Amino acid sequence: GALENFATHYWHDDRRRPRSDRPRTEFGEIFGHGGVV
C-alpha cells in the first residue's frame, strides 16, 4: 500500500520525455541519517 502511494524518483539529468521512473533507494540496516518515508 505504501509503495502504491510513494512518489517515484526522477533525476535532473534525465533528458528523455517522458522521464524514466527511477528505482527507489533502499537503505538496509543503517538509515537514521536519511531513510524515513
PDB file of all heavy atoms in Angstrom:
ATOM      1  N   GLY A   1       0.814  -1.207   0.000  1.00  0.00           N
ATOM      2  CA  GLY A   1       0.000   0.000   0.000  1.00  0.00           C
ATOM      3  C   GLY A   1       0.850   1.260   0.000  1.00  0.00           C
ATOM      4  O   GLY A   1       0.544   2.228  -0.703  1.00  0.00           O
ATOM      5  N   ALA A   2       1.921   1.252   0.793  1.00  0.00           N
ATOM      6  CA  ALA A   2       2.804   2.413   0.852  1.00  0.00           C
ATOM      7  C   ALA A   2       3.501   2.628  -0.487  1.00  0.00           C
ATOM      8  O   ALA A   2       3.638   3.767  -0.956  1.00  0.00           O
ATOM      9  CB  ALA A   2       3.829   2.238   1.965  1.00  0.00           C
ATOM     10  N   LEU A   3       3.926   1.550  -1.121  1.00  0.00           N
ATOM     11  CA  LEU A   3       4.606   1.667  -2.410  1.00  0.00           C
ATOM     12  C   LEU A   3       3.693   2.259  -3.470  1.00  0.00           C
ATOM     13  O   LEU A   3       4.140   3.025  -4.331  1.00  0.00           O
ATOM     14  CB  LEU A   3       5.118   0.296  -2.860  1.00  0.00           C
ATOM     15  CG  LEU A   3       6.342  -0.237  -2.107  1.00  0.00           C
ATOM     16  CD1 LEU A   3       6.594  -1.698  -2.464  1.00  0.00           C
ATOM     17  CD2 LEU A   3       7.578   0.606  -2.418  1.00  0.00           C
ATOM     18  N   GLU A   4       2.412   1.936  -3.412  1.00  0.00           N
ATOM     19  CA  GLU A   4       1.460   2.487  -4.379  1.00  0.00           C
ATOM     20  C   GLU A   4       1.318   3.997  -4.206  1.00  0.00           C
ATOM     21  O   GLU A   4       1.110   4.737  -5.161  1.00  0.00           O
ATOM     22  CB  GLU A   4       0.101   1.801  -4.222  1.00  0.00           C
ATOM     23  CG  GLU A   4      -1.017   2.387  -5.074  1.00  0.00           C
ATOM     24  CD  GLU A   4      -0.733   2.328  -6.575  1.00  0.00           C
ATOM     25  OE1 GLU A   4       0.032   1.441  -7.010  1.00  0.00           O
ATOM     26  OE2 GLU A   4      -1.298   3.166  -7.304  1.00  0.00           O
ATOM     27  N   ASN A   5       1.447   4.478  -2.968  1.00  0.00           N
ATOM     28  CA  ASN A   5       1.281   5.902  -2.673  1.00  0.00           C
ATOM     29  C   ASN A   5       2.612   6.642  -2.624  1.00  0.00           C
ATOM     30  O   ASN A   5       2.666   7.813  -2.266  1.00  0.00           O
ATOM     31  CB  ASN A   5       0.548   6.074  -1.333  1.00  0.00           C
ATOM     32  CG  ASN A   5       0.070   7.489  -1.108  1.00  0.00           C
ATOM     33  OD1 ASN A   5      -0.308   8.183  -2.055  1.00  0.00           O
ATOM     34  ND2 ASN A   5       0.099   7.932   0.124  1.00  0.00           N
ATOM     35  N   PHE A   6       3.689   5.963  -2.995  1.00  0.00           N
ATOM     36  CA  PHE A   6       5.042   6.521  -2.903  1.00  0.00           C
ATOM     37  C   PHE A   6       5.389   7.280  -4.176  1.00  0.00           C
ATOM     38  O   PHE A   6       5.138   6.809  -5.287  1.00  0.00           O
ATOM     39  CB  PHE A   6       6.029   5.378  -2.676  1.00  0.00           C
ATOM     40  CG  PHE A   6       7.463   5.791  -2.539  1.00  0.00           C
ATOM     41  CD1 PHE A   6       7.886   6.527  -1.446  1.00  0.00           C
ATOM     42  CD2 PHE A   6       8.399   5.433  -3.503  1.00  0.00           C
ATOM     43  CE1 PHE A   6       9.219   6.895  -1.301  1.00  0.00           C
ATOM     44  CE2 PHE A   6       9.729   5.790  -3.373  1.00  0.00           C
ATOM     45  CZ  PHE A   6      10.148   6.526  -2.271  1.00  0.00           C
ATOM     46  N   ALA A   7       5.956   8.459  -4.018  1.00  0.00           N
ATOM     47  CA  ALA A   7       6.359   9.269  -5.172  1.00  0.00           C
ATOM     48  C   ALA A   7       7.601   8.678  -5.830  1.00  0.00           C
ATOM     49  O   ALA A   7       8.617   8.451  -5.179  1.00  0.00           O
ATOM     50  CB  ALA A   7       6.628  10.704  -4.727  1.00  0.00           C
ATOM     51  N   THR A   8       7.506   8.453  -7.117  1.00  0.00           N
ATOM     52  CA  THR A   8       8.613   7.883  -7.871  1.00  0.00           C
ATOM     53  C   THR A   8       9.775   8.872  -7.962  1.00  0.00           C
ATOM     54  O   THR A   8       9.574  10.079  -8.057  1.00  0.00           O
ATOM     55  CB  THR A   8       8.144   7.513  -9.290  1.00  0.00           C
ATOM     56  OG1 THR A   8       7.123   6.521  -9.180  1.00  0.00           O
ATOM     57  CG2 THR A   8       9.282   6.948 -10.125  1.00  0.00           C
ATOM     58  N   HIS A   9      10.992   8.354  -7.943  1.00  0.00           N
ATOM     59  CA  HIS A   9      12.199   9.177  -8.080  1.00  0.00           C
ATOM     60  C   HIS A   9      12.399   9.611  -9.529  1.00  0.00           C
ATOM     61  O   HIS A   9      12.246   8.808 -10.454  1.00  0.00           O
ATOM     62  CB  HIS A   9      13.437   8.370  -7.669  1.00  0.00           C
ATOM     63  CG  HIS A   9      13.503   8.041  -6.219  1.00  0.00           C
ATOM     64  ND1 HIS A   9      14.643   8.221  -5.478  1.00  0.00           N
ATOM     65  CD2 HIS A   9      12.583   7.554  -5.350  1.00  0.00           C
ATOM     66  CE1 HIS A   9      14.433   7.841  -4.227  1.00  0.00           C
ATOM     67  NE2 HIS A   9      13.193   7.430  -4.135  1.00  0.00           N
ATOM     68  N   TYR A  10      12.785  10.873  -9.702  1.00  0.00           N
ATOM     69  CA  TYR A  10      13.215  11.360 -11.020  1.00  0.00           C
ATOM     70  C   TYR A  10      14.484  12.172 -10.837  1.00  0.00           C
ATOM     71  O   TYR A  10      14.712  12.765  -9.788  1.00  0.00           O
ATOM     72  CB  TYR A  10      12.115  12.206 -11.681  1.00  0.00           C
ATOM     73  CG  TYR A  10      10.863  11.405 -11.928  1.00  0.00           C
ATOM     74  CD1 TYR A  10       9.803  11.455 -11.024  1.00  0.00           C
ATOM     75  CD2 TYR A  10      10.752  10.558 -13.030  1.00  0.00           C
ATOM     76  CE1 TYR A  10       8.658  10.699 -11.225  1.00  0.00           C
ATOM     77  CE2 TYR A  10       9.620   9.790 -13.233  1.00  0.00           C
ATOM     78  CZ  TYR A  10       8.569   9.865 -12.333  1.00  0.00           C
ATOM     79  OH  TYR A  10       7.456   9.095 -12.516  1.00  0.00           O
ATOM     80  N   TRP A  11      15.308  12.217 -11.892  1.00  0.00           N
ATOM     81  CA  TRP A  11      16.606  12.871 -11.802  1.00  0.00           C
ATOM     82  C   TRP A  11      16.680  14.085 -12.720  1.00  0.00           C
ATOM     83  O   TRP A  11      16.121  14.090 -13.810  1.00  0.00           O
ATOM     84  CB  TRP A  11      17.726  11.894 -12.187  1.00  0.00           C
ATOM     85  CG  TRP A  11      17.989  10.845 -11.156  1.00  0.00           C
ATOM     86  CD1 TRP A  11      17.338  10.656  -9.974  1.00  0.00           C
ATOM     87  CD2 TRP A  11      18.980   9.833 -11.224  1.00  0.00           C
ATOM     88  NE1 TRP A  11      17.857   9.594  -9.292  1.00  0.00           N
ATOM     89  CE2 TRP A  11      18.872   9.065 -10.042  1.00  0.00           C
ATOM     90  CE3 TRP A  11      19.942   9.498 -12.158  1.00  0.00           C
ATOM     91  CZ2 TRP A  11      19.702   7.981  -9.769  1.00  0.00           C
ATOM     92  CZ3 TRP A  11      20.768   8.420 -11.895  1.00  0.00           C
ATOM     93  CH2 TRP A  11      20.653   7.676 -10.712  1.00  0.00           C
ATOM     94  N   HIS A  12      17.445  15.078 -12.295  1.00  0.00           N
ATOM     95  CA  HIS A  12      17.652  16.287 -13.093  1.00  0.00           C
ATOM     96  C   HIS A  12      18.254  15.965 -14.449  1.00  0.00           C
ATOM     97  O   HIS A  12      17.947  16.636 -15.440  1.00  0.00           O
ATOM     98  CB  HIS A  12      18.592  17.252 -12.362  1.00  0.00           C
ATOM     99  CG  HIS A  12      17.947  18.010 -11.254  1.00  0.00           C
ATOM    100  ND1 HIS A  12      17.226  19.159 -11.457  1.00  0.00           N
ATOM    101  CD2 HIS A  12      17.898  17.782  -9.914  1.00  0.00           C
ATOM    102  CE1 HIS A  12      16.779  19.627 -10.305  1.00  0.00           C
ATOM    103  NE2 HIS A  12      17.161  18.796  -9.353  1.00  0.00           N
ATOM    104  N   ASP A  13      19.115  14.982 -14.523  1.00  0.00           N
ATOM    105  CA  ASP A  13      19.836  14.707 -15.769  1.00  0.00           C
ATOM    106  C   ASP A  13      19.053  13.846 -16.751  1.00  0.00           C
ATOM    107  O   ASP A  13      19.544  13.517 -17.827  1.00  0.00           O
ATOM    108  CB  ASP A  13      21.179  14.021 -15.461  1.00  0.00           C
ATOM    109  CG  ASP A  13      22.220  15.028 -15.014  1.00  0.00           C
ATOM    110  OD1 ASP A  13      21.829  15.989 -14.316  1.00  0.00           O
ATOM    111  OD2 ASP A  13      23.402  14.862 -15.334  1.00  0.00           O
ATOM    112  N   ASP A  14      17.827  13.460 -16.380  1.00  0.00           N
ATOM    113  CA  ASP A  14      17.003  12.704 -17.317  1.00  0.00           C
ATOM    114  C   ASP A  14      16.531  13.639 -18.429  1.00  0.00           C
ATOM    115  O   ASP A  14      15.752  14.560 -18.185  1.00  0.00           O
ATOM    116  CB  ASP A  14      15.782  12.103 -16.613  1.00  0.00           C
ATOM    117  CG  ASP A  14      16.156  10.946 -15.711  1.00  0.00           C
ATOM    118  OD1 ASP A  14      17.262  10.420 -15.868  1.00  0.00           O
ATOM    119  OD2 ASP A  14      15.340  10.579 -14.842  1.00  0.00           O
ATOM    120  N   ARG A  15      16.989  13.404 -19.633  1.00  0.00           N
ATOM    121  CA  ARG A  15      16.602  14.254 -20.756  1.00  0.00           C
ATOM    122  C   ARG A  15      15.509  13.624 -21.611  1.00  0.00           C
ATOM    123  O   ARG A  15      14.989  14.248 -22.534  1.00  0.00           O
ATOM    124  CB  ARG A  15      17.833  14.537 -21.636  1.00  0.00           C
ATOM    125  CG  ARG A  15      18.982  15.203 -20.878  1.00  0.00           C
ATOM    126  CD  ARG A  15      18.560  16.500 -20.232  1.00  0.00           C
ATOM    127  NE  ARG A  15      19.665  17.144 -19.532  1.00  0.00           N
ATOM    128  CZ  ARG A  15      19.513  18.167 -18.696  1.00  0.00           C
ATOM    129  NH1 ARG A  15      18.301  18.640 -18.458  1.00  0.00           N
ATOM    130  NH2 ARG A  15      20.565  18.693 -18.100  1.00  0.00           N
ATOM    131  N   ARG A  16      15.205  12.391 -21.310  1.00  0.00           N
ATOM    132  CA  ARG A  16      14.183  11.714 -22.096  1.00  0.00           C
ATOM    133  C   ARG A  16      12.797  12.232 -21.733  1.00  0.00           C
ATOM    134  O   ARG A  16      12.543  12.643 -20.615  1.00  0.00           O
ATOM    135  CB  ARG A  16      14.239  10.201 -21.861  1.00  0.00           C
ATOM    136  CG  ARG A  16      15.503   9.559 -22.378  1.00  0.00           C
ATOM    137  CD  ARG A  16      15.551   8.088 -21.988  1.00  0.00           C
ATOM    138  NE  ARG A  16      15.677   7.924 -20.539  1.00  0.00           N
ATOM    139  CZ  ARG A  16      16.832   8.001 -19.893  1.00  0.00           C
ATOM    140  NH1 ARG A  16      17.939   8.262 -20.556  1.00  0.00           N
ATOM    141  NH2 ARG A  16      16.886   7.841 -18.590  1.00  0.00           N
ATOM    142  N   ARG A  17      11.890  12.210 -22.691  1.00  0.00           N
ATOM    143  CA  ARG A  17      10.495  12.542 -22.429  1.00  0.00           C
ATOM    144  C   ARG A  17       9.628  11.411 -22.956  1.00  0.00           C
ATOM    145  O   ARG A  17       9.687  11.107 -24.140  1.00  0.00           O
ATOM    146  CB  ARG A  17      10.106  13.869 -23.107  1.00  0.00           C
ATOM    147  CG  ARG A  17      10.792  15.075 -22.501  1.00  0.00           C
ATOM    148  CD  ARG A  17      10.298  15.317 -21.057  1.00  0.00           C
ATOM    149  NE  ARG A  17      10.851  16.531 -20.495  1.00  0.00           N
ATOM    150  CZ  ARG A  17      11.978  16.583 -19.802  1.00  0.00           C
ATOM    151  NH1 ARG A  17      12.683  15.485 -19.609  1.00  0.00           N
ATOM    152  NH2 ARG A  17      12.419  17.710 -19.310  1.00  0.00           N
ATOM    153  N   PRO A  18       8.841  10.734 -22.147  1.00  0.00           N
ATOM    154  CA  PRO A  18       8.697  11.023 -20.729  1.00  0.00           C
ATOM    155  C   PRO A  18       9.908  10.529 -19.930  1.00  0.00           C
ATOM    156  O   PRO A  18      10.611   9.622 -20.364  1.00  0.00           O
ATOM    157  CB  PRO A  18       7.450  10.240 -20.328  1.00  0.00           C
ATOM    158  CG  PRO A  18       7.439   9.079 -21.258  1.00  0.00           C
ATOM    159  CD  PRO A  18       7.969   9.619 -22.569  1.00  0.00           C
ATOM    160  N   ARG A  19      10.125  11.120 -18.788  1.00  0.00           N
ATOM    161  CA  ARG A  19      11.232  10.707 -17.930  1.00  0.00           C
ATOM    162  C   ARG A  19      11.045   9.267 -17.466  1.00  0.00           C
ATOM    163  O   ARG A  19       9.931   8.777 -17.320  1.00  0.00           O
ATOM    164  CB  ARG A  19      11.305  11.611 -16.705  1.00  0.00           C
ATOM    165  CG  ARG A  19      11.887  12.973 -16.995  1.00  0.00           C
ATOM    166  CD  ARG A  19      11.811  13.830 -15.767  1.00  0.00           C
ATOM    167  NE  ARG A  19      12.620  15.040 -15.932  1.00  0.00           N
ATOM    168  CZ  ARG A  19      12.521  16.094 -15.170  1.00  0.00           C
ATOM    169  NH1 ARG A  19      11.656  16.106 -14.180  1.00  0.00           N
ATOM    170  NH2 ARG A  19      13.272  17.146 -15.373  1.00  0.00           N
ATOM    171  N   SER A  20      12.174   8.633 -17.186  1.00  0.00           N
ATOM    172  CA  SER A  20      12.138   7.266 -16.690  1.00  0.00           C
ATOM    173  C   SER A  20      11.777   7.261 -15.210  1.00  0.00           C
ATOM    174  O   SER A  20      12.207   8.124 -14.446  1.00  0.00           O
ATOM    175  CB  SER A  20      13.506   6.604 -16.866  1.00  0.00           C
ATOM    176  OG  SER A  20      13.891   6.581 -18.210  1.00  0.00           O
ATOM    177  N   ASP A  21      10.975   6.279 -14.794  1.00  0.00           N
ATOM    178  CA  ASP A  21      10.733   6.054 -13.372  1.00  0.00           C
ATOM    179  C   ASP A  21      11.991   5.427 -12.793  1.00  0.00           C
ATOM    180  O   ASP A  21      12.346   4.292 -13.139  1.00  0.00           O
ATOM    181  CB  ASP A  21       9.546   5.106 -13.159  1.00  0.00           C
ATOM    182  CG  ASP A  21       8.215   5.745 -13.516  1.00  0.00           C
ATOM    183  OD1 ASP A  21       8.208   6.931 -13.902  1.00  0.00           O
ATOM    184  OD2 ASP A  21       7.186   5.061 -13.403  1.00  0.00           O
ATOM    185  N   ARG A  22      12.699   6.151 -11.940  1.00  0.00           N
ATOM    186  CA  ARG A  22      13.940   5.652 -11.368  1.00  0.00           C
ATOM    187  C   ARG A  22      13.663   4.731 -10.184  1.00  0.00           C
ATOM    188  O   ARG A  22      12.701   4.929  -9.437  1.00  0.00           O
ATOM    189  CB  ARG A  22      14.800   6.818 -10.896  1.00  0.00           C
ATOM    190  CG  ARG A  22      15.376   7.649 -12.039  1.00  0.00           C
ATOM    191  CD  ARG A  22      16.508   6.924 -12.724  1.00  0.00           C
ATOM    192  NE  ARG A  22      17.134   7.748 -13.756  1.00  0.00           N
ATOM    193  CZ  ARG A  22      18.181   7.368 -14.454  1.00  0.00           C
ATOM    194  NH1 ARG A  22      18.727   6.185 -14.240  1.00  0.00           N
ATOM    195  NH2 ARG A  22      18.707   8.156 -15.370  1.00  0.00           N
ATOM    196  N   PRO A  23      14.502   3.707  -9.981  1.00  0.00           N
ATOM    197  CA  PRO A  23      14.312   2.825  -8.826  1.00  0.00           C
ATOM    198  C   PRO A  23      14.559   3.587  -7.528  1.00  0.00           C
ATOM    199  O   PRO A  23      15.412   4.474  -7.467  1.00  0.00           O
ATOM    200  CB  PRO A  23      15.356   1.730  -9.035  1.00  0.00           C
ATOM    201  CG  PRO A  23      16.408   2.370  -9.890  1.00  0.00           C
ATOM    202  CD  PRO A  23      15.677   3.319 -10.791  1.00  0.00           C
ATOM    203  N   ARG A  24      13.812   3.244  -6.488  1.00  0.00           N
ATOM    204  CA  ARG A  24      13.946   3.945  -5.212  1.00  0.00           C
ATOM    205  C   ARG A  24      15.195   3.464  -4.472  1.00  0.00           C
ATOM    206  O   ARG A  24      15.686   2.351  -4.688  1.00  0.00           O
ATOM    207  CB  ARG A  24      12.705   3.721  -4.338  1.00  0.00           C
ATOM    208  CG  ARG A  24      12.506   2.287  -3.872  1.00  0.00           C
ATOM    209  CD  ARG A  24      11.188   2.145  -3.114  1.00  0.00           C
ATOM    210  NE  ARG A  24      10.974   0.777  -2.674  1.00  0.00           N
ATOM    211  CZ  ARG A  24      11.403   0.285  -1.523  1.00  0.00           C
ATOM    212  NH1 ARG A  24      12.070   1.066  -0.686  1.00  0.00           N
ATOM    213  NH2 ARG A  24      11.169  -0.959  -1.182  1.00  0.00           N
ATOM    214  N   THR A  25      15.687   4.303  -3.594  1.00  0.00           N
ATOM    215  CA  THR A  25      16.834   3.953  -2.766  1.00  0.00           C
ATOM    216  C   THR A  25      16.390   3.071  -1.605  1.00  0.00           C
ATOM    217  O   THR A  25      15.373   3.342  -0.975  1.00  0.00           O
ATOM    218  CB  THR A  25      17.495   5.224  -2.198  1.00  0.00           C
ATOM    219  OG1 THR A  25      17.957   6.028  -3.286  1.00  0.00           O
ATOM    220  CG2 THR A  25      18.664   4.888  -1.294  1.00  0.00           C
ATOM    221  N   GLU A  26      17.138   2.019  -1.338  1.00  0.00           N
ATOM    222  CA  GLU A  26      16.888   1.170  -0.178  1.00  0.00           C
ATOM    223  C   GLU A  26      18.095   1.270   0.748  1.00  0.00           C
ATOM    224  O   GLU A  26      19.232   1.140   0.310  1.00  0.00           O
ATOM    225  CB  GLU A  26      16.645  -0.277  -0.626  1.00  0.00           C
ATOM    226  CG  GLU A  26      15.400  -0.411  -1.506  1.00  0.00           C
ATOM    227  CD  GLU A  26      15.062  -1.861  -1.811  1.00  0.00           C
ATOM    228  OE1 GLU A  26      14.943  -2.653  -0.852  1.00  0.00           O
ATOM    229  OE2 GLU A  26      14.923  -2.194  -2.999  1.00  0.00           O
ATOM    230  N   PHE A  27      17.825   1.500   2.051  1.00  0.00           N
ATOM    231  CA  PHE A  27      18.895   1.845   2.980  1.00  0.00           C
ATOM    232  C   PHE A  27      19.510   0.662   3.716  1.00  0.00           C
ATOM    233  O   PHE A  27      20.620   0.759   4.205  1.00  0.00           O
ATOM    234  CB  PHE A  27      18.382   2.860   4.003  1.00  0.00           C
ATOM    235  CG  PHE A  27      18.316   4.258   3.459  1.00  0.00           C
ATOM    236  CD1 PHE A  27      17.259   4.652   2.651  1.00  0.00           C
ATOM    237  CD2 PHE A  27      19.315   5.169   3.722  1.00  0.00           C
ATOM    238  CE1 PHE A  27      17.202   5.930   2.131  1.00  0.00           C
ATOM    239  CE2 PHE A  27      19.272   6.453   3.209  1.00  0.00           C
ATOM    240  CZ  PHE A  27      18.207   6.838   2.412  1.00  0.00           C
ATOM    241  N   GLY A  28      18.823  -0.426   3.835  1.00  0.00           N
ATOM    242  CA  GLY A  28      19.369  -1.533   4.598  1.00  0.00           C
ATOM    243  C   GLY A  28      19.235  -1.314   6.091  1.00  0.00           C
ATOM    244  O   GLY A  28      18.300  -0.659   6.562  1.00  0.00           O
ATOM    245  N   GLU A  29      20.210  -1.804   6.875  1.00  0.00           N
ATOM    246  CA  GLU A  29      20.113  -1.771   8.334  1.00  0.00           C
ATOM    247  C   GLU A  29      20.470  -0.406   8.935  1.00  0.00           C
ATOM    248  O   GLU A  29      20.089  -0.103  10.066  1.00  0.00           O
ATOM    249  CB  GLU A  29      21.041  -2.837   8.929  1.00  0.00           C
ATOM    250  CG  GLU A  29      20.648  -4.257   8.586  1.00  0.00           C
ATOM    251  CD  GLU A  29      21.650  -5.280   9.093  1.00  0.00           C
ATOM    252  OE1 GLU A  29      22.866  -5.126   8.817  1.00  0.00           O
ATOM    253  OE2 GLU A  29      21.215  -6.238   9.776  1.00  0.00           O
ATOM    254  N   ILE A  30      21.179   0.416   8.207  1.00  0.00           N
ATOM    255  CA  ILE A  30      21.622   1.721   8.716  1.00  0.00           C
ATOM    256  C   ILE A  30      20.894   2.818   7.956  1.00  0.00           C
ATOM    257  O   ILE A  30      21.111   3.014   6.761  1.00  0.00           O
ATOM    258  CB  ILE A  30      23.151   1.889   8.559  1.00  0.00           C
ATOM    259  CG1 ILE A  30      23.896   0.741   9.235  1.00  0.00           C
ATOM    260  CG2 ILE A  30      23.600   3.237   9.107  1.00  0.00           C
ATOM    261  CD1 ILE A  30      23.629   0.629  10.738  1.00  0.00           C
ATOM    262  N   PHE A  31      19.998   3.545   8.659  1.00  0.00           N
ATOM    263  CA  PHE A  31      19.173   4.524   7.953  1.00  0.00           C
ATOM    264  C   PHE A  31      18.796   5.742   8.795  1.00  0.00           C
ATOM    265  O   PHE A  31      18.006   6.582   8.352  1.00  0.00           O
ATOM    266  CB  PHE A  31      17.872   3.860   7.471  1.00  0.00           C
ATOM    267  CG  PHE A  31      17.054   3.251   8.578  1.00  0.00           C
ATOM    268  CD1 PHE A  31      16.185   4.027   9.330  1.00  0.00           C
ATOM    269  CD2 PHE A  31      17.165   1.899   8.885  1.00  0.00           C
ATOM    270  CE1 PHE A  31      15.438   3.466  10.361  1.00  0.00           C
ATOM    271  CE2 PHE A  31      16.421   1.337   9.915  1.00  0.00           C
ATOM    272  CZ  PHE A  31      15.552   2.124  10.652  1.00  0.00           C
ATOM    273  N   GLY A  32      19.367   5.888   9.987  1.00  0.00           N
ATOM    274  CA  GLY A  32      18.993   7.007  10.845  1.00  0.00           C
ATOM    275  C   GLY A  32      19.322   8.367  10.262  1.00  0.00           C
ATOM    276  O   GLY A  32      18.788   9.389  10.698  1.00  0.00           O
ATOM    277  N   HIS A  33      20.179   8.384   9.242  1.00  0.00           N
ATOM    278  CA  HIS A  33      20.593   9.636   8.609  1.00  0.00           C
ATOM    279  C   HIS A  33      19.696  10.064   7.468  1.00  0.00           C
ATOM    280  O   HIS A  33      19.728  11.221   7.059  1.00  0.00           O
ATOM    281  CB  HIS A  33      22.010   9.481   8.061  1.00  0.00           C
ATOM    282  CG  HIS A  33      22.132   8.392   7.040  1.00  0.00           C
ATOM    283  ND1 HIS A  33      21.928   7.051   7.343  1.00  0.00           N
ATOM    284  CD2 HIS A  33      22.426   8.426   5.707  1.00  0.00           C
ATOM    285  CE1 HIS A  33      22.097   6.326   6.258  1.00  0.00           C
ATOM    286  NE2 HIS A  33      22.393   7.136   5.262  1.00  0.00           N
ATOM    287  N   GLY A  34      18.860   9.128   6.919  1.00  0.00           N
ATOM    288  CA  GLY A  34      18.108   9.540   5.740  1.00  0.00           C
ATOM    289  C   GLY A  34      17.033   8.609   5.239  1.00  0.00           C
ATOM    290  O   GLY A  34      16.497   8.826   4.155  1.00  0.00           O
ATOM    291  N   GLY A  35      16.676   7.554   5.964  1.00  0.00           N
ATOM    292  CA  GLY A  35      15.815   6.529   5.403  1.00  0.00           C
ATOM    293  C   GLY A  35      14.332   6.626   5.662  1.00  0.00           C
ATOM    294  O   GLY A  35      13.566   5.771   5.225  1.00  0.00           O
ATOM    295  N   VAL A  36      13.858   7.662   6.352  1.00  0.00           N
ATOM    296  CA  VAL A  36      12.446   7.753   6.713  1.00  0.00           C
ATOM    297  C   VAL A  36      11.598   8.170   5.503  1.00  0.00           C
ATOM    298  O   VAL A  36      12.004   9.016   4.702  1.00  0.00           O
ATOM    299  CB  VAL A  36      12.228   8.744   7.869  1.00  0.00           C
ATOM    300  CG1 VAL A  36      10.746   8.977   8.149  1.00  0.00           C
ATOM    301  CG2 VAL A  36      12.922   8.233   9.128  1.00  0.00           C
ATOM    302  N   VAL A  37      10.427   7.563   5.379  1.00  0.00           N
ATOM    303  CA  VAL A  37       9.453   7.876   4.340  1.00  0.00           C
ATOM    304  C   VAL A  37       8.231   8.485   5.018  1.00  0.00           C
ATOM    305  O   VAL A  37       7.694   7.918   5.975  1.00  0.00           O
ATOM    306  CB  VAL A  37       9.046   6.598   3.567  1.00  0.00           C
ATOM    307  CG1 VAL A  37       7.909   6.880   2.598  1.00  0.00           C
ATOM    308  CG2 VAL A  37      10.258   6.029   2.824  1.00  0.00           C
TER     309      VAL A  37
END
